[in-house]
Amino acid sequence: AELQVLLDLGLARAYDYYSGIHFRA
């Protein structure tokens, strides 16, 4: 519960590489 992430569903840069989620900090 204490881990609150920000969602960016327009994150498209890694489209060709990632098959699922992608995250950065």
PDB file of all heavy atoms in Angstrom:
ATOM      1  N   ALA A   1       0.817  -1.222   0.000  1.00  0.00           N
ATOM      2  CA  ALA A   1       0.000   0.000   0.000  1.00  0.00           C
ATOM      3  C   ALA A   1       0.844   1.262   0.000  1.00  0.00           C
ATOM      4  O   ALA A   1       0.456   2.276  -0.574  1.00  0.00           O
ATOM      5  CB  ALA A   1      -0.926  -0.012   1.219  1.00  0.00           C
ATOM      6  N   GLU A   2       2.031   1.200   0.626  1.00  0.00           N
ATOM      7  CA  GLU A   2       2.853   2.406   0.717  1.00  0.00           C
ATOM      8  C   GLU A   2       3.592   2.732  -0.578  1.00  0.00           C
ATOM      9  O   GLU A   2       4.170   3.816  -0.710  1.00  0.00           O
ATOM     10  CB  GLU A   2       3.867   2.283   1.865  1.00  0.00           C
ATOM     11  CG  GLU A   2       4.865   1.149   1.722  1.00  0.00           C
ATOM     12  CD  GLU A   2       4.373  -0.149   2.353  1.00  0.00           C
ATOM     13  OE1 GLU A   2       3.147  -0.327   2.464  1.00  0.00           O
ATOM     14  OE2 GLU A   2       5.222  -0.970   2.732  1.00  0.00           O
ATOM     15  N   LEU A   3       3.583   1.816  -1.540  1.00  0.00           N
ATOM     16  CA  LEU A   3       4.241   2.064  -2.824  1.00  0.00           C
ATOM     17  C   LEU A   3       3.219   2.626  -3.803  1.00  0.00           C
ATOM     18  O   LEU A   3       2.407   1.906  -4.374  1.00  0.00           O
ATOM     19  CB  LEU A   3       4.858   0.769  -3.372  1.00  0.00           C
ATOM     20  CG  LEU A   3       5.473   0.832  -4.782  1.00  0.00           C
ATOM     21  CD1 LEU A   3       6.386   2.031  -4.930  1.00  0.00           C
ATOM     22  CD2 LEU A   3       6.211  -0.456  -5.108  1.00  0.00           C
ATOM     23  N   GLN A   4       3.262   3.935  -3.988  1.00  0.00           N
ATOM     24  CA  GLN A   4       2.346   4.616  -4.894  1.00  0.00           C
ATOM     25  C   GLN A   4       3.090   4.965  -6.181  1.00  0.00           C
ATOM     26  O   GLN A   4       4.049   5.740  -6.150  1.00  0.00           O
ATOM     27  CB  GLN A   4       1.803   5.886  -4.236  1.00  0.00           C
ATOM     28  CG  GLN A   4       1.039   5.629  -2.953  1.00  0.00           C
ATOM     29  CD  GLN A   4      -0.254   4.861  -3.206  1.00  0.00           C
ATOM     30  OE1 GLN A   4      -0.991   5.162  -4.152  1.00  0.00           O
ATOM     31  NE2 GLN A   4      -0.521   3.879  -2.367  1.00  0.00           N
ATOM     32  N   VAL A   5       2.673   4.407  -7.284  1.00  0.00           N
ATOM     33  CA  VAL A   5       3.344   4.664  -8.564  1.00  0.00           C
ATOM     34  C   VAL A   5       2.536   5.672  -9.377  1.00  0.00           C
ATOM     35  O   VAL A   5       1.340   5.872  -9.143  1.00  0.00           O
ATOM     36  CB  VAL A   5       3.521   3.361  -9.372  1.00  0.00           C
ATOM     37  CG1 VAL A   5       4.311   2.330  -8.579  1.00  0.00           C
ATOM     38  CG2 VAL A   5       2.180   2.794  -9.815  1.00  0.00           C
ATOM     39  N   LEU A   6       3.212   6.300 -10.318  1.00  0.00           N
ATOM     40  CA  LEU A   6       2.554   7.138 -11.310  1.00  0.00           C
ATOM     41  C   LEU A   6       2.362   6.316 -12.575  1.00  0.00           C
ATOM     42  O   LEU A   6       3.275   5.604 -13.002  1.00  0.00           O
ATOM     43  CB  LEU A   6       3.403   8.374 -11.620  1.00  0.00           C
ATOM     44  CG  LEU A   6       3.498   9.420 -10.519  1.00  0.00           C
ATOM     45  CD1 LEU A   6       4.560  10.456 -10.875  1.00  0.00           C
ATOM     46  CD2 LEU A   6       2.151  10.082 -10.285  1.00  0.00           C
ATOM     47  N   LEU A   7       1.177   6.402 -13.161  1.00  0.00           N
ATOM     48  CA  LEU A   7       0.890   5.663 -14.389  1.00  0.00           C
ATOM     49  C   LEU A   7       1.037   6.579 -15.596  1.00  0.00           C
ATOM     50  O   LEU A   7       0.610   7.735 -15.572  1.00  0.00           O
ATOM     51  CB  LEU A   7      -0.528   5.090 -14.342  1.00  0.00           C
ATOM     52  CG  LEU A   7      -0.806   4.053 -13.261  1.00  0.00           C
ATOM     53  CD1 LEU A   7      -2.264   3.620 -13.310  1.00  0.00           C
ATOM     54  CD2 LEU A   7       0.112   2.848 -13.399  1.00  0.00           C
ATOM     55  N   ASP A   8       1.666   6.051 -16.636  1.00  0.00           N
ATOM     56  CA  ASP A   8       1.800   6.770 -17.901  1.00  0.00           C
ATOM     57  C   ASP A   8       1.466   5.787 -19.019  1.00  0.00           C
ATOM     58  O   ASP A   8       2.335   5.090 -19.530  1.00  0.00           O
ATOM     59  CB  ASP A   8       3.218   7.317 -18.065  1.00  0.00           C
ATOM     60  CG  ASP A   8       3.369   8.148 -19.330  1.00  0.00           C
ATOM     61  OD1 ASP A   8       2.374   8.285 -20.068  1.00  0.00           O
ATOM     62  OD2 ASP A   8       4.475   8.657 -19.578  1.00  0.00           O
ATOM     63  N   LEU A   9       0.185   5.732 -19.377  1.00  0.00           N
ATOM     64  CA  LEU A   9      -0.245   4.758 -20.388  1.00  0.00           C
ATOM     65  C   LEU A   9       0.067   5.225 -21.804  1.00  0.00           C
ATOM     66  O   LEU A   9      -0.181   4.491 -22.762  1.00  0.00           O
ATOM     67  CB  LEU A   9      -1.733   4.463 -20.226  1.00  0.00           C
ATOM     68  CG  LEU A   9      -2.130   3.854 -18.882  1.00  0.00           C
ATOM     69  CD1 LEU A   9      -3.576   3.389 -18.912  1.00  0.00           C
ATOM     70  CD2 LEU A   9      -1.209   2.705 -18.497  1.00  0.00           C
ATOM     71  N   GLY A  10       0.625   6.425 -21.931  1.00  0.00           N
ATOM     72  CA  GLY A  10       1.121   6.878 -23.224  1.00  0.00           C
ATOM     73  C   GLY A  10       2.618   6.669 -23.369  1.00  0.00           C
ATOM     74  O   GLY A  10       3.240   7.228 -24.276  1.00  0.00           O
ATOM     75  N   LEU A  11       3.195   5.850 -22.521  1.00  0.00           N
ATOM     76  CA  LEU A  11       4.622   5.555 -22.587  1.00  0.00           C
ATOM     77  C   LEU A  11       4.868   4.617 -23.760  1.00  0.00           C
ATOM     78  O   LEU A  11       4.628   3.410 -23.668  1.00  0.00           O
ATOM     79  CB  LEU A  11       5.089   4.914 -21.277  1.00  0.00           C
ATOM     80  CG  LEU A  11       6.578   4.759 -21.054  1.00  0.00           C
ATOM     81  CD1 LEU A  11       7.284   6.097 -21.040  1.00  0.00           C
ATOM     82  CD2 LEU A  11       6.841   4.023 -19.750  1.00  0.00           C
ATOM     83  N   ALA A  12       5.323   5.174 -24.874  1.00  0.00           N
ATOM     84  CA  ALA A  12       5.407   4.401 -26.115  1.00  0.00           C
ATOM     85  C   ALA A  12       6.825   4.223 -26.621  1.00  0.00           C
ATOM     86  O   ALA A  12       7.056   3.496 -27.581  1.00  0.00           O
ATOM     87  CB  ALA A  12       4.582   5.084 -27.215  1.00  0.00           C
ATOM     88  N   ARG A  13       7.803   4.852 -25.976  1.00  0.00           N
ATOM     89  CA  ARG A  13       9.171   4.816 -26.486  1.00  0.00           C
ATOM     90  C   ARG A  13       9.710   3.395 -26.584  1.00  0.00           C
ATOM     91  O   ARG A  13      10.468   3.065 -27.495  1.00  0.00           O
ATOM     92  CB  ARG A  13      10.078   5.646 -25.568  1.00  0.00           C
ATOM     93  CG  ARG A  13      11.529   5.682 -25.965  1.00  0.00           C
ATOM     94  CD  ARG A  13      12.313   6.564 -24.996  1.00  0.00           C
ATOM     95  NE  ARG A  13      12.163   6.131 -23.622  1.00  0.00           N
ATOM     96  CZ  ARG A  13      12.918   5.176 -23.073  1.00  0.00           C
ATOM     97  NH1 ARG A  13      13.828   4.556 -23.786  1.00  0.00           N
ATOM     98  NH2 ARG A  13      12.742   4.848 -21.809  1.00  0.00           N
ATOM     99  N   ALA A  14       9.335   2.551 -25.632  1.00  0.00           N
ATOM    100  CA  ALA A  14       9.872   1.195 -25.584  1.00  0.00           C
ATOM    101  C   ALA A  14       8.967   0.184 -26.287  1.00  0.00           C
ATOM    102  O   ALA A  14       9.055  -1.010 -26.050  1.00  0.00           O
ATOM    103  CB  ALA A  14      10.075   0.779 -24.128  1.00  0.00           C
ATOM    104  N   TYR A  15       8.127   0.666 -27.147  1.00  0.00           N
ATOM    105  CA  TYR A  15       7.133  -0.153 -27.869  1.00  0.00           C
ATOM    106  C   TYR A  15       7.733  -1.393 -28.523  1.00  0.00           C
ATOM    107  O   TYR A  15       7.179  -2.489 -28.460  1.00  0.00           O
ATOM    108  CB  TYR A  15       6.514   0.770 -28.918  1.00  0.00           C
ATOM    109  CG  TYR A  15       5.665   0.148 -30.000  1.00  0.00           C
ATOM    110  CD1 TYR A  15       4.282   0.127 -29.895  1.00  0.00           C
ATOM    111  CD2 TYR A  15       6.236  -0.364 -31.150  1.00  0.00           C
ATOM    112  CE1 TYR A  15       3.494  -0.388 -30.905  1.00  0.00           C
ATOM    113  CE2 TYR A  15       5.464  -0.895 -32.169  1.00  0.00           C
ATOM    114  CZ  TYR A  15       4.089  -0.901 -32.043  1.00  0.00           C
ATOM    115  OH  TYR A  15       3.319  -1.411 -33.043  1.00  0.00           O
ATOM    116  N   ASP A  16       8.898  -1.237 -29.176  1.00  0.00           N
ATOM    117  CA  ASP A  16       9.477  -2.346 -29.936  1.00  0.00           C
ATOM    118  C   ASP A  16      10.175  -3.370 -29.055  1.00  0.00           C
ATOM    119  O   ASP A  16      10.489  -4.460 -29.520  1.00  0.00           O
ATOM    120  CB  ASP A  16      10.485  -1.817 -30.972  1.00  0.00           C
ATOM    121  CG  ASP A  16       9.796  -1.044 -32.087  1.00  0.00           C
ATOM    122  OD1 ASP A  16       8.669  -1.415 -32.440  1.00  0.00           O
ATOM    123  OD2 ASP A  16      10.384  -0.068 -32.567  1.00  0.00           O
ATOM    124  N   TYR A  17      10.468  -3.004 -27.817  1.00  0.00           N
ATOM    125  CA  TYR A  17      11.288  -3.862 -26.974  1.00  0.00           C
ATOM    126  C   TYR A  17      10.481  -4.567 -25.886  1.00  0.00           C
ATOM    127  O   TYR A  17      10.616  -5.773 -25.683  1.00  0.00           O
ATOM    128  CB  TYR A  17      12.394  -3.016 -26.333  1.00  0.00           C
ATOM    129  CG  TYR A  17      13.403  -3.807 -25.550  1.00  0.00           C
ATOM    130  CD1 TYR A  17      14.389  -4.537 -26.193  1.00  0.00           C
ATOM    131  CD2 TYR A  17      13.360  -3.828 -24.156  1.00  0.00           C
ATOM    132  CE1 TYR A  17      15.316  -5.263 -25.470  1.00  0.00           C
ATOM    133  CE2 TYR A  17      14.280  -4.554 -23.431  1.00  0.00           C
ATOM    134  CZ  TYR A  17      15.264  -5.264 -24.097  1.00  0.00           C
ATOM    135  OH  TYR A  17      16.168  -5.988 -23.378  1.00  0.00           O
ATOM    136  N   TYR A  18       9.638  -3.811 -25.197  1.00  0.00           N
ATOM    137  CA  TYR A  18       8.920  -4.380 -24.058  1.00  0.00           C
ATOM    138  C   TYR A  18       7.593  -4.990 -24.491  1.00  0.00           C
ATOM    139  O   TYR A  18       6.834  -4.407 -25.261  1.00  0.00           O
ATOM    140  CB  TYR A  18       8.683  -3.309 -22.994  1.00  0.00           C
ATOM    141  CG  TYR A  18       9.958  -2.901 -22.301  1.00  0.00           C
ATOM    142  CD1 TYR A  18      10.586  -1.699 -22.615  1.00  0.00           C
ATOM    143  CD2 TYR A  18      10.553  -3.728 -21.366  1.00  0.00           C
ATOM    144  CE1 TYR A  18      11.767  -1.333 -21.996  1.00  0.00           C
ATOM    145  CE2 TYR A  18      11.734  -3.370 -20.747  1.00  0.00           C
ATOM    146  CZ  TYR A  18      12.336  -2.174 -21.065  1.00  0.00           C
ATOM    147  OH  TYR A  18      13.508  -1.815 -20.456  1.00  0.00           O
ATOM    148  N   SER A  19       7.331  -6.176 -23.961  1.00  0.00           N
ATOM    149  CA  SER A  19       6.105  -6.902 -24.313  1.00  0.00           C
ATOM    150  C   SER A  19       5.007  -6.712 -23.273  1.00  0.00           C
ATOM    151  O   SER A  19       3.891  -7.206 -23.460  1.00  0.00           O
ATOM    152  CB  SER A  19       6.422  -8.402 -24.433  1.00  0.00           C
ATOM    153  OG  SER A  19       6.911  -8.900 -23.189  1.00  0.00           O
ATOM    154  N   GLY A  20       5.313  -6.041 -22.185  1.00  0.00           N
ATOM    155  CA  GLY A  20       4.334  -5.833 -21.116  1.00  0.00           C
ATOM    156  C   GLY A  20       4.524  -4.477 -20.493  1.00  0.00           C
ATOM    157  O   GLY A  20       4.490  -3.465 -21.171  1.00  0.00           O
ATOM    158  N   ILE A  21       4.774  -4.459 -19.193  1.00  0.00           N
ATOM    159  CA  ILE A  21       4.964  -3.182 -18.518  1.00  0.00           C
ATOM    160  C   ILE A  21       6.367  -2.635 -18.781  1.00  0.00           C
ATOM    161  O   ILE A  21       7.289  -3.370 -19.148  1.00  0.00           O
ATOM    162  CB  ILE A  21       4.716  -3.284 -16.996  1.00  0.00           C
ATOM    163  CG1 ILE A  21       5.850  -4.060 -16.302  1.00  0.00           C
ATOM    164  CG2 ILE A  21       3.364  -3.891 -16.697  1.00  0.00           C
ATOM    165  CD1 ILE A  21       5.847  -3.887 -14.801  1.00  0.00           C
ATOM    166  N   HIS A  22       6.516  -1.333 -18.604  1.00  0.00           N
ATOM    167  CA  HIS A  22       7.810  -0.662 -18.622  1.00  0.00           C
ATOM    168  C   HIS A  22       7.781   0.360 -17.504  1.00  0.00           C
ATOM    169  O   HIS A  22       6.756   1.022 -17.280  1.00  0.00           O
ATOM    170  CB  HIS A  22       8.037   0.028 -19.971  1.00  0.00           C
ATOM    171  CG  HIS A  22       9.266   0.893 -20.016  1.00  0.00           C
ATOM    172  ND1 HIS A  22      10.485   0.478 -19.567  1.00  0.00           N
ATOM    173  CD2 HIS A  22       9.445   2.175 -20.451  1.00  0.00           C
ATOM    174  CE1 HIS A  22      11.378   1.439 -19.735  1.00  0.00           C
ATOM    175  NE2 HIS A  22      10.769   2.485 -20.268  1.00  0.00           N
ATOM    176  N   PHE A  23       8.888   0.480 -16.763  1.00  0.00           N
ATOM    177  CA  PHE A  23       8.899   1.455 -15.674  1.00  0.00           C
ATOM    178  C   PHE A  23      10.259   2.134 -15.580  1.00  0.00           C
ATOM    179  O   PHE A  23      11.269   1.622 -16.046  1.00  0.00           O
ATOM    180  CB  PHE A  23       8.525   0.802 -14.335  1.00  0.00           C
ATOM    181  CG  PHE A  23       9.391  -0.371 -13.936  1.00  0.00           C
ATOM    182  CD1 PHE A  23      10.519  -0.188 -13.154  1.00  0.00           C
ATOM    183  CD2 PHE A  23       9.043  -1.661 -14.303  1.00  0.00           C
ATOM    184  CE1 PHE A  23      11.309  -1.259 -12.769  1.00  0.00           C
ATOM    185  CE2 PHE A  23       9.823  -2.750 -13.927  1.00  0.00           C
ATOM    186  CZ  PHE A  23      10.963  -2.551 -13.157  1.00  0.00           C
ATOM    187  N   ARG A  24      10.249   3.318 -14.983  1.00  0.00           N
ATOM    188  CA  ARG A  24      11.458   4.091 -14.769  1.00  0.00           C
ATOM    189  C   ARG A  24      11.251   4.930 -13.511  1.00  0.00           C
ATOM    190  O   ARG A  24      10.122   5.042 -13.015  1.00  0.00           O
ATOM    191  CB  ARG A  24      11.774   4.964 -15.980  1.00  0.00           C
ATOM    192  CG  ARG A  24      10.628   5.848 -16.437  1.00  0.00           C
ATOM    193  CD  ARG A  24      10.837   6.364 -17.850  1.00  0.00           C
ATOM    194  NE  ARG A  24       9.750   7.260 -18.256  1.00  0.00           N
ATOM    195  CZ  ARG A  24       9.612   7.753 -19.471  1.00  0.00           C
ATOM    196  NH1 ARG A  24      10.476   7.443 -20.419  1.00  0.00           N
ATOM    197  NH2 ARG A  24       8.608   8.566 -19.760  1.00  0.00           N
ATOM    198  N   ALA A  25      12.327   5.538 -13.008  1.00  0.00           N
ATOM    199  CA  ALA A  25      12.232   6.303 -11.758  1.00  0.00           C
ATOM    200  C   ALA A  25      12.922   7.646 -11.907  1.00  0.00           C
ATOM    201  O   ALA A  25      13.957   7.765 -12.581  1.00  0.00           O
ATOM    202  CB  ALA A  25      12.861   5.526 -10.609  1.00  0.00           C
TER     203      ALA A  25
END
